[in-house]
């Protein structure tokens, strides 16, 4: 396995852990999406997805190129997605269901959590490791191979501990 393959494998591993972390929190739907749906008569909403962030922030790097190619193999190219009632400029944002990407998200998309969500993590669960920019850079560095091994292991452990702090569990193979 070459360095790019190893970096992508690790990135996807962290993505799975972050997905478990985010899904155990339910902040976005409860505090942003559901209230907005009620306000606008159940018409689709974009919430925080207001740009093609993956195009703006992805680095010109072989690992980013590989991640994009794998994403397009799994989900199609951005141009393949045409949504009636589009509420976000991002092609991967389904107006009825949000992001269609179950994996291979861009670091900027994967890391995003608004300030209100981060504050609730801190006040309700005592989770202080998560901040948007720190996570974004960690994911970027993980993908490009710049993140030191110790920091990668610490990141994994912090996410696992955060999920446990919310009283959730997940399959052992994810730990």
N, C-alpha and C. Protein backbone atom coordinates (compact mmCIF):
# COMPACT_ATOMS: atom_id res chain seq x y z
N UNK A 1 0.86 -1.18 0.00
CA UNK A 1 0.00 0.00 0.00
C UNK A 1 0.90 1.24 0.00
N UNK A 2 0.65 2.13 -0.95
CA UNK A 2 1.47 3.35 -0.99
C UNK A 2 0.94 4.39 -0.01
N UNK A 3 1.65 5.50 0.12
CA UNK A 3 1.30 6.52 1.12
C UNK A 3 -0.08 7.12 0.87
N UNK A 4 -0.42 7.37 -0.38
CA UNK A 4 -1.73 7.96 -0.68
C UNK A 4 -2.85 6.99 -0.29
N UNK A 5 -2.70 5.73 -0.61
CA UNK A 5 -3.70 4.74 -0.23
C UNK A 5 -3.85 4.66 1.28
N UNK A 6 -2.72 4.66 1.99
CA UNK A 6 -2.75 4.62 3.46
C UNK A 6 -3.45 5.86 4.01
N UNK A 7 -3.14 7.02 3.47
CA UNK A 7 -3.76 8.26 3.95
C UNK A 7 -5.27 8.26 3.71
N UNK A 8 -5.68 7.79 2.55
CA UNK A 8 -7.12 7.74 2.25
C UNK A 8 -7.82 6.73 3.14
N UNK A 9 -7.19 5.57 3.36
CA UNK A 9 -7.78 4.57 4.25
C UNK A 9 -7.97 5.15 5.65
N UNK A 10 -6.97 5.84 6.16
CA UNK A 10 -7.07 6.46 7.48
C UNK A 10 -8.13 7.57 7.50
N UNK A 11 -8.15 8.36 6.44
CA UNK A 11 -9.14 9.42 6.33
C UNK A 11 -10.55 8.85 6.37
N UNK A 12 -10.79 7.80 5.60
CA UNK A 12 -12.11 7.18 5.57
C UNK A 12 -12.47 6.54 6.92
N UNK A 13 -11.47 6.04 7.62
CA UNK A 13 -11.69 5.50 8.97
C UNK A 13 -12.15 6.62 9.91
N UNK A 14 -11.48 7.76 9.87
CA UNK A 14 -11.88 8.90 10.70
C UNK A 14 -13.25 9.40 10.26
N UNK A 15 -13.52 9.39 8.96
CA UNK A 15 -14.84 9.80 8.47
C UNK A 15 -15.93 8.92 9.07
N UNK A 16 -15.73 7.61 9.12
CA UNK A 16 -16.72 6.71 9.72
C UNK A 16 -16.94 7.03 11.20
N UNK A 17 -15.85 7.31 11.90
CA UNK A 17 -15.99 7.67 13.31
C UNK A 17 -16.72 8.99 13.47
N UNK A 18 -16.39 9.97 12.64
CA UNK A 18 -17.07 11.26 12.73
C UNK A 18 -18.55 11.13 12.37
N UNK A 19 -18.87 10.29 11.40
CA UNK A 19 -20.28 10.05 11.07
C UNK A 19 -21.02 9.49 12.28
N UNK A 20 -20.40 8.54 12.98
CA UNK A 20 -21.02 7.98 14.19
C UNK A 20 -21.16 9.06 15.26
N UNK A 21 -20.16 9.89 15.39
CA UNK A 21 -20.19 11.00 16.36
C UNK A 21 -21.32 11.97 16.03
N UNK A 22 -21.39 12.44 14.78
CA UNK A 22 -22.42 13.39 14.38
C UNK A 22 -23.81 12.78 14.50
N UNK A 23 -23.96 11.52 14.10
CA UNK A 23 -25.29 10.92 14.14
C UNK A 23 -25.76 10.68 15.57
N UNK A 24 -24.85 10.60 16.52
CA UNK A 24 -25.26 10.41 17.91
C UNK A 24 -25.64 11.73 18.57
N UNK A 25 -25.34 12.84 17.93
CA UNK A 25 -25.59 14.16 18.51
C UNK A 25 -26.93 14.75 18.05
N UNK A 26 -27.30 14.60 16.81
CA UNK A 26 -28.58 15.07 16.25
C UNK A 26 -28.81 16.58 16.37
N UNK A 27 -27.78 17.36 16.49
CA UNK A 27 -27.95 18.81 16.65
C UNK A 27 -28.50 19.47 15.39
N UNK A 28 -27.90 19.16 14.25
CA UNK A 28 -28.23 19.86 13.01
C UNK A 28 -29.72 19.75 12.67
N UNK A 29 -30.25 18.56 12.72
CA UNK A 29 -31.66 18.39 12.38
C UNK A 29 -32.56 19.07 13.40
N UNK A 30 -32.30 18.84 14.66
CA UNK A 30 -33.17 19.36 15.71
C UNK A 30 -33.14 20.88 15.82
N UNK A 31 -31.97 21.48 15.65
CA UNK A 31 -31.83 22.91 15.91
C UNK A 31 -31.81 23.79 14.67
N UNK A 32 -31.56 23.22 13.51
CA UNK A 32 -31.48 24.04 12.30
C UNK A 32 -32.49 23.60 11.23
N UNK A 33 -32.43 22.34 10.87
CA UNK A 33 -33.23 21.88 9.74
C UNK A 33 -34.72 21.82 10.08
N UNK A 34 -35.09 21.15 11.16
CA UNK A 34 -36.51 21.02 11.52
C UNK A 34 -37.18 22.38 11.74
N UNK A 35 -36.55 23.31 12.49
CA UNK A 35 -37.20 24.62 12.64
C UNK A 35 -37.35 25.36 11.31
N UNK A 36 -36.37 25.24 10.45
CA UNK A 36 -36.45 25.91 9.15
C UNK A 36 -37.55 25.27 8.29
N UNK A 37 -37.68 23.96 8.35
CA UNK A 37 -38.75 23.30 7.61
C UNK A 37 -40.13 23.78 8.11
N UNK A 38 -40.27 23.92 9.41
CA UNK A 38 -41.54 24.41 9.96
C UNK A 38 -41.81 25.85 9.51
N UNK A 39 -40.78 26.67 9.48
CA UNK A 39 -40.94 28.08 9.09
C UNK A 39 -41.32 28.23 7.62
N UNK A 40 -40.80 27.36 6.77
CA UNK A 40 -41.03 27.56 5.33
C UNK A 40 -42.01 26.55 4.73
N UNK A 41 -42.87 25.99 5.54
CA UNK A 41 -43.90 25.11 5.02
C UNK A 41 -43.39 23.79 4.47
N UNK A 42 -42.34 23.26 5.07
CA UNK A 42 -41.75 21.97 4.68
C UNK A 42 -41.06 21.98 3.32
N UNK A 43 -40.77 23.16 2.78
CA UNK A 43 -39.98 23.21 1.55
C UNK A 43 -38.54 22.88 1.89
N UNK A 44 -37.78 22.30 0.97
CA UNK A 44 -36.39 21.92 1.24
C UNK A 44 -35.53 23.10 1.68
N UNK A 45 -34.56 22.79 2.53
CA UNK A 45 -33.64 23.82 3.04
C UNK A 45 -32.20 23.36 2.83
N UNK A 46 -31.32 24.32 2.73
CA UNK A 46 -29.90 24.01 2.56
C UNK A 46 -29.15 23.97 3.87
N UNK A 47 -29.71 24.54 4.92
CA UNK A 47 -29.04 24.65 6.22
C UNK A 47 -27.68 25.32 6.03
N UNK A 48 -26.59 24.62 6.29
CA UNK A 48 -25.27 25.24 6.20
C UNK A 48 -24.60 25.03 4.84
N UNK A 49 -25.19 24.27 3.96
CA UNK A 49 -24.58 23.95 2.68
C UNK A 49 -24.92 25.03 1.66
N UNK A 50 -24.13 26.10 1.64
CA UNK A 50 -24.44 27.27 0.84
C UNK A 50 -23.47 27.50 -0.31
N UNK A 51 -22.55 26.58 -0.54
CA UNK A 51 -21.56 26.75 -1.61
C UNK A 51 -21.06 25.38 -2.04
N UNK A 52 -20.26 25.37 -3.10
CA UNK A 52 -19.57 24.15 -3.52
C UNK A 52 -18.25 24.11 -2.76
N UNK A 53 -18.34 23.91 -1.46
CA UNK A 53 -17.16 24.03 -0.60
C UNK A 53 -16.04 23.09 -1.02
N UNK A 54 -16.38 21.90 -1.49
CA UNK A 54 -15.34 20.96 -1.91
C UNK A 54 -14.51 21.54 -3.05
N UNK A 55 -15.12 22.34 -3.92
CA UNK A 55 -14.37 22.95 -5.02
C UNK A 55 -13.51 24.10 -4.53
N UNK A 56 -14.00 24.83 -3.54
CA UNK A 56 -13.30 26.00 -3.04
C UNK A 56 -12.10 25.64 -2.17
N UNK A 57 -12.25 24.61 -1.33
CA UNK A 57 -11.25 24.35 -0.31
C UNK A 57 -10.36 23.13 -0.54
N UNK A 58 -10.71 22.22 -1.42
CA UNK A 58 -9.85 21.06 -1.63
C UNK A 58 -8.51 21.50 -2.21
N UNK A 59 -7.45 20.90 -1.73
CA UNK A 59 -6.10 21.26 -2.13
C UNK A 59 -5.71 20.60 -3.46
N UNK A 60 -4.81 21.25 -4.19
CA UNK A 60 -4.26 20.60 -5.38
C UNK A 60 -3.20 19.58 -4.94
N UNK A 61 -3.66 18.39 -4.60
CA UNK A 61 -2.80 17.37 -4.01
C UNK A 61 -3.26 16.01 -4.54
N UNK A 62 -2.33 15.09 -4.69
CA UNK A 62 -2.66 13.77 -5.23
C UNK A 62 -3.69 13.03 -4.38
N UNK A 63 -3.63 13.17 -3.06
CA UNK A 63 -4.59 12.48 -2.20
C UNK A 63 -6.00 13.08 -2.37
N UNK A 64 -6.08 14.38 -2.50
CA UNK A 64 -7.38 15.01 -2.74
C UNK A 64 -7.93 14.57 -4.09
N UNK A 65 -7.06 14.49 -5.09
CA UNK A 65 -7.49 14.03 -6.42
C UNK A 65 -8.02 12.61 -6.35
N UNK A 66 -7.32 11.77 -5.61
CA UNK A 66 -7.74 10.37 -5.48
C UNK A 66 -9.07 10.26 -4.73
N UNK A 67 -9.23 11.04 -3.67
CA UNK A 67 -10.48 11.05 -2.92
C UNK A 67 -11.62 11.49 -3.85
N UNK A 68 -11.41 12.53 -4.63
CA UNK A 68 -12.42 13.02 -5.56
C UNK A 68 -12.78 11.95 -6.59
N UNK A 69 -11.77 11.28 -7.14
CA UNK A 69 -12.03 10.23 -8.13
C UNK A 69 -12.84 9.09 -7.53
N UNK A 70 -12.49 8.68 -6.33
CA UNK A 70 -13.26 7.62 -5.66
C UNK A 70 -14.68 8.09 -5.37
N UNK A 71 -14.83 9.34 -4.95
CA UNK A 71 -16.17 9.90 -4.70
C UNK A 71 -17.00 9.86 -5.97
N UNK A 72 -16.41 10.25 -7.09
CA UNK A 72 -17.14 10.27 -8.36
C UNK A 72 -17.47 8.87 -8.84
N UNK A 73 -16.60 7.89 -8.56
CA UNK A 73 -16.91 6.51 -8.91
C UNK A 73 -18.11 6.00 -8.11
N UNK A 74 -18.19 6.39 -6.85
CA UNK A 74 -19.27 5.94 -5.97
C UNK A 74 -20.57 6.69 -6.19
N UNK A 75 -20.49 8.00 -6.39
CA UNK A 75 -21.69 8.84 -6.39
C UNK A 75 -21.93 9.59 -7.68
N UNK A 76 -21.05 9.44 -8.65
CA UNK A 76 -21.18 10.18 -9.89
C UNK A 76 -20.46 11.52 -9.82
N UNK A 77 -20.26 12.09 -10.98
CA UNK A 77 -19.63 13.41 -11.04
C UNK A 77 -20.65 14.46 -10.63
N UNK A 78 -20.17 15.61 -10.16
CA UNK A 78 -21.12 16.65 -9.76
C UNK A 78 -22.14 16.97 -10.85
N UNK A 79 -21.71 17.03 -12.09
CA UNK A 79 -22.62 17.37 -13.20
C UNK A 79 -23.72 16.32 -13.40
N UNK A 80 -23.54 15.12 -12.85
CA UNK A 80 -24.55 14.07 -12.98
C UNK A 80 -25.80 14.34 -12.14
N UNK A 81 -25.71 15.27 -11.22
CA UNK A 81 -26.79 15.51 -10.26
C UNK A 81 -27.52 16.80 -10.60
N UNK A 82 -28.74 16.65 -10.99
CA UNK A 82 -29.62 17.79 -11.28
C UNK A 82 -30.82 17.67 -10.37
N UNK A 83 -31.03 18.64 -9.52
CA UNK A 83 -32.12 18.59 -8.56
C UNK A 83 -33.18 19.62 -8.91
N UNK A 84 -34.41 19.19 -8.95
CA UNK A 84 -35.51 20.15 -9.01
C UNK A 84 -35.57 20.81 -7.64
N UNK A 85 -35.88 22.06 -7.57
CA UNK A 85 -35.94 22.78 -6.30
C UNK A 85 -34.60 22.81 -5.56
N UNK A 86 -33.52 22.95 -6.29
CA UNK A 86 -32.20 23.00 -5.64
C UNK A 86 -32.16 24.16 -4.64
N UNK A 87 -31.66 23.90 -3.45
CA UNK A 87 -31.57 24.92 -2.41
C UNK A 87 -30.11 25.20 -2.05
N UNK A 88 -29.21 24.47 -2.64
CA UNK A 88 -27.78 24.63 -2.41
C UNK A 88 -27.06 24.56 -3.75
N UNK A 89 -26.00 25.33 -3.92
CA UNK A 89 -25.24 25.21 -5.17
C UNK A 89 -24.44 23.91 -5.25
N UNK A 90 -24.28 23.20 -4.13
CA UNK A 90 -23.53 21.95 -4.15
C UNK A 90 -24.35 20.86 -4.84
N UNK A 91 -23.76 20.26 -5.83
CA UNK A 91 -24.44 19.23 -6.61
C UNK A 91 -24.76 17.99 -5.78
N UNK A 92 -24.02 17.77 -4.72
CA UNK A 92 -24.22 16.59 -3.89
C UNK A 92 -25.27 16.83 -2.79
N UNK A 93 -25.91 17.98 -2.80
CA UNK A 93 -26.92 18.30 -1.80
C UNK A 93 -28.31 18.05 -2.38
N UNK A 94 -28.92 16.95 -1.97
CA UNK A 94 -30.28 16.62 -2.35
C UNK A 94 -31.22 17.52 -1.55
N UNK A 95 -32.09 18.28 -2.22
CA UNK A 95 -32.95 19.22 -1.48
C UNK A 95 -33.92 18.53 -0.51
N UNK A 96 -34.18 17.26 -0.69
CA UNK A 96 -35.09 16.55 0.22
C UNK A 96 -34.36 15.87 1.36
N UNK A 97 -33.12 15.44 1.13
CA UNK A 97 -32.42 14.61 2.11
C UNK A 97 -31.04 15.11 2.53
N UNK A 98 -30.59 16.22 2.00
CA UNK A 98 -29.27 16.74 2.36
C UNK A 98 -28.17 16.06 1.56
N UNK A 99 -27.01 15.99 2.14
CA UNK A 99 -25.83 15.45 1.45
C UNK A 99 -26.04 13.99 1.08
N UNK A 100 -25.78 13.68 -0.19
CA UNK A 100 -25.94 12.30 -0.64
C UNK A 100 -24.68 11.48 -0.38
N UNK A 101 -23.60 12.12 -0.01
CA UNK A 101 -22.33 11.42 0.19
C UNK A 101 -22.31 10.72 1.54
N UNK A 102 -22.25 9.41 1.51
CA UNK A 102 -22.13 8.64 2.75
C UNK A 102 -20.67 8.45 3.13
N UNK A 103 -19.80 8.69 2.20
CA UNK A 103 -18.35 8.62 2.44
C UNK A 103 -17.66 9.51 1.41
N UNK A 104 -16.36 9.67 1.57
CA UNK A 104 -15.53 10.41 0.63
C UNK A 104 -15.87 11.89 0.55
N UNK A 105 -16.38 12.44 1.66
CA UNK A 105 -16.65 13.87 1.71
C UNK A 105 -15.33 14.65 1.73
N UNK A 106 -15.39 15.86 1.28
CA UNK A 106 -14.26 16.76 1.38
C UNK A 106 -13.99 17.08 2.85
N UNK A 107 -12.73 17.30 3.24
CA UNK A 107 -12.46 17.65 4.63
C UNK A 107 -13.26 18.85 5.13
N UNK A 108 -13.45 19.86 4.29
CA UNK A 108 -14.19 21.05 4.73
C UNK A 108 -15.65 20.71 5.02
N UNK A 109 -16.23 19.82 4.26
CA UNK A 109 -17.62 19.42 4.50
C UNK A 109 -17.73 18.47 5.69
N UNK A 110 -16.81 17.54 5.76
CA UNK A 110 -16.84 16.56 6.84
C UNK A 110 -16.64 17.22 8.21
N UNK A 111 -15.78 18.18 8.29
CA UNK A 111 -15.43 18.80 9.57
C UNK A 111 -16.47 19.77 10.09
N UNK A 112 -17.30 20.32 9.21
CA UNK A 112 -18.13 21.45 9.61
C UNK A 112 -19.11 21.13 10.73
N UNK A 113 -19.07 21.98 11.71
CA UNK A 113 -20.00 22.02 12.82
C UNK A 113 -20.07 23.48 13.23
N UNK A 114 -21.25 24.05 13.31
CA UNK A 114 -21.36 25.47 13.63
C UNK A 114 -21.02 25.74 15.09
N UNK A 115 -20.82 27.01 15.39
CA UNK A 115 -20.46 27.41 16.76
C UNK A 115 -21.51 26.98 17.78
N UNK A 116 -22.80 27.11 17.44
CA UNK A 116 -23.86 26.70 18.37
C UNK A 116 -23.77 25.21 18.71
N UNK A 117 -23.47 24.39 17.71
CA UNK A 117 -23.35 22.95 17.95
C UNK A 117 -22.15 22.66 18.84
N UNK A 118 -21.05 23.32 18.56
CA UNK A 118 -19.83 23.11 19.36
C UNK A 118 -20.07 23.54 20.80
N UNK A 119 -20.76 24.66 21.00
CA UNK A 119 -21.07 25.11 22.35
C UNK A 119 -21.95 24.11 23.08
N UNK A 120 -22.91 23.51 22.37
CA UNK A 120 -23.76 22.52 23.02
C UNK A 120 -22.97 21.26 23.37
N UNK A 121 -22.04 20.87 22.52
CA UNK A 121 -21.18 19.73 22.87
C UNK A 121 -20.46 19.99 24.19
N UNK A 122 -19.99 21.20 24.34
CA UNK A 122 -19.23 21.56 25.54
C UNK A 122 -20.12 21.63 26.77
N UNK A 123 -21.25 22.31 26.65
CA UNK A 123 -22.10 22.50 27.83
C UNK A 123 -22.88 21.25 28.22
N UNK A 124 -23.40 20.51 27.24
CA UNK A 124 -24.23 19.35 27.56
C UNK A 124 -23.45 18.07 27.79
N UNK A 125 -22.29 17.93 27.14
CA UNK A 125 -21.57 16.66 27.21
C UNK A 125 -20.13 16.79 27.73
N UNK A 126 -19.66 18.01 27.94
CA UNK A 126 -18.28 18.20 28.39
C UNK A 126 -17.26 17.79 27.35
N UNK A 127 -17.63 17.89 26.08
CA UNK A 127 -16.73 17.52 24.98
C UNK A 127 -16.05 18.79 24.48
N UNK A 128 -14.74 18.88 24.69
CA UNK A 128 -14.01 20.09 24.35
C UNK A 128 -13.00 19.91 23.21
N UNK A 129 -12.80 18.69 22.75
CA UNK A 129 -11.78 18.48 21.73
C UNK A 129 -12.18 19.02 20.36
N UNK A 130 -13.48 19.18 20.12
CA UNK A 130 -13.95 19.49 18.76
C UNK A 130 -14.02 20.99 18.51
N UNK A 131 -13.30 21.42 17.50
CA UNK A 131 -13.53 22.74 16.94
C UNK A 131 -13.41 22.60 15.43
N UNK A 132 -14.21 23.37 14.73
CA UNK A 132 -14.32 23.21 13.29
C UNK A 132 -12.97 23.35 12.57
N UNK A 133 -12.27 24.44 12.80
CA UNK A 133 -11.02 24.64 12.06
C UNK A 133 -9.96 23.61 12.44
N UNK A 134 -9.89 23.28 13.71
CA UNK A 134 -8.93 22.26 14.13
C UNK A 134 -9.20 20.93 13.45
N UNK A 135 -10.48 20.54 13.38
CA UNK A 135 -10.83 19.29 12.73
C UNK A 135 -10.57 19.37 11.23
N UNK A 136 -10.91 20.49 10.63
CA UNK A 136 -10.67 20.66 9.20
C UNK A 136 -9.19 20.47 8.87
N UNK A 137 -8.33 21.15 9.62
CA UNK A 137 -6.90 21.03 9.35
C UNK A 137 -6.39 19.62 9.65
N UNK A 138 -6.88 19.01 10.71
CA UNK A 138 -6.46 17.64 11.02
C UNK A 138 -6.83 16.70 9.87
N UNK A 139 -8.05 16.84 9.33
CA UNK A 139 -8.47 16.00 8.21
C UNK A 139 -7.64 16.28 6.96
N UNK A 140 -7.38 17.53 6.71
CA UNK A 140 -6.55 17.91 5.56
C UNK A 140 -5.15 17.32 5.70
N UNK A 141 -4.57 17.45 6.88
CA UNK A 141 -3.23 16.94 7.13
C UNK A 141 -3.21 15.42 7.10
N UNK A 142 -4.26 14.79 7.58
CA UNK A 142 -4.35 13.33 7.53
C UNK A 142 -4.36 12.86 6.08
N UNK A 143 -5.16 13.51 5.27
CA UNK A 143 -5.27 13.13 3.86
C UNK A 143 -3.97 13.36 3.10
N UNK A 144 -3.27 14.43 3.41
CA UNK A 144 -2.02 14.75 2.70
C UNK A 144 -0.79 14.09 3.31
N UNK A 145 -0.96 13.43 4.45
CA UNK A 145 0.16 12.72 5.06
C UNK A 145 1.00 13.56 5.99
N UNK A 146 0.54 14.74 6.35
CA UNK A 146 1.31 15.64 7.21
C UNK A 146 1.02 15.40 8.69
N UNK A 147 -0.14 14.83 9.01
CA UNK A 147 -0.52 14.61 10.41
C UNK A 147 0.36 13.53 11.02
N UNK A 148 1.07 13.85 12.10
CA UNK A 148 1.92 12.84 12.75
C UNK A 148 1.10 11.66 13.27
N UNK A 149 1.72 10.51 13.31
CA UNK A 149 1.07 9.27 13.76
C UNK A 149 0.41 9.45 15.13
N UNK A 150 1.12 10.07 16.07
CA UNK A 150 0.58 10.25 17.42
C UNK A 150 -0.70 11.09 17.38
N UNK A 151 -0.72 12.12 16.55
CA UNK A 151 -1.90 12.98 16.44
C UNK A 151 -3.07 12.22 15.79
N UNK A 152 -2.78 11.37 14.83
CA UNK A 152 -3.81 10.53 14.21
C UNK A 152 -4.44 9.62 15.26
N UNK A 153 -3.62 8.96 16.06
CA UNK A 153 -4.13 8.07 17.10
C UNK A 153 -4.91 8.85 18.16
N UNK A 154 -4.42 10.04 18.52
CA UNK A 154 -5.15 10.88 19.48
C UNK A 154 -6.50 11.32 18.92
N UNK A 155 -6.53 11.66 17.64
CA UNK A 155 -7.78 12.06 17.00
C UNK A 155 -8.80 10.93 17.07
N UNK A 156 -8.37 9.73 16.70
CA UNK A 156 -9.27 8.57 16.78
C UNK A 156 -9.80 8.40 18.19
N UNK A 157 -8.91 8.44 19.17
CA UNK A 157 -9.31 8.23 20.55
C UNK A 157 -10.25 9.32 21.03
N UNK A 158 -10.02 10.56 20.64
CA UNK A 158 -10.90 11.65 21.04
C UNK A 158 -12.31 11.46 20.49
N UNK A 159 -12.42 11.01 19.26
CA UNK A 159 -13.75 10.80 18.67
C UNK A 159 -14.46 9.65 19.36
N UNK A 160 -13.74 8.56 19.60
CA UNK A 160 -14.32 7.41 20.30
C UNK A 160 -14.78 7.83 21.70
N UNK A 161 -13.95 8.61 22.41
CA UNK A 161 -14.32 9.07 23.75
C UNK A 161 -15.52 10.00 23.71
N UNK A 162 -15.62 10.85 22.68
CA UNK A 162 -16.76 11.76 22.55
C UNK A 162 -18.05 10.99 22.33
N UNK A 163 -17.99 9.96 21.51
CA UNK A 163 -19.18 9.14 21.27
C UNK A 163 -19.61 8.48 22.58
N UNK A 164 -18.65 7.97 23.32
CA UNK A 164 -18.96 7.34 24.61
C UNK A 164 -19.53 8.36 25.59
N UNK A 165 -19.01 9.60 25.57
CA UNK A 165 -19.50 10.64 26.48
C UNK A 165 -20.96 10.98 26.20
N UNK A 166 -21.40 10.75 24.98
CA UNK A 166 -22.80 11.00 24.64
C UNK A 166 -23.66 9.77 24.92
N UNK A 167 -23.04 8.75 25.53
CA UNK A 167 -23.78 7.56 25.90
C UNK A 167 -24.08 6.64 24.74
N UNK A 168 -23.31 6.74 23.69
CA UNK A 168 -23.53 5.92 22.50
C UNK A 168 -22.41 4.91 22.37
N UNK A 169 -22.65 3.92 21.56
CA UNK A 169 -21.62 2.93 21.25
C UNK A 169 -21.70 2.65 19.76
N UNK A 170 -20.72 1.93 19.28
CA UNK A 170 -20.66 1.58 17.87
C UNK A 170 -19.89 0.29 17.76
N UNK A 171 -19.91 -0.36 16.61
CA UNK A 171 -19.21 -1.65 16.46
C UNK A 171 -17.74 -1.55 16.86
N UNK A 172 -17.24 -2.58 17.49
CA UNK A 172 -15.86 -2.60 17.98
C UNK A 172 -14.85 -2.37 16.88
N UNK A 173 -15.13 -2.82 15.65
CA UNK A 173 -14.16 -2.66 14.59
C UNK A 173 -13.93 -1.19 14.23
N UNK A 174 -14.82 -0.29 14.67
CA UNK A 174 -14.63 1.13 14.39
C UNK A 174 -13.71 1.79 15.39
N UNK A 175 -13.52 1.21 16.54
CA UNK A 175 -12.70 1.82 17.59
C UNK A 175 -11.24 1.77 17.24
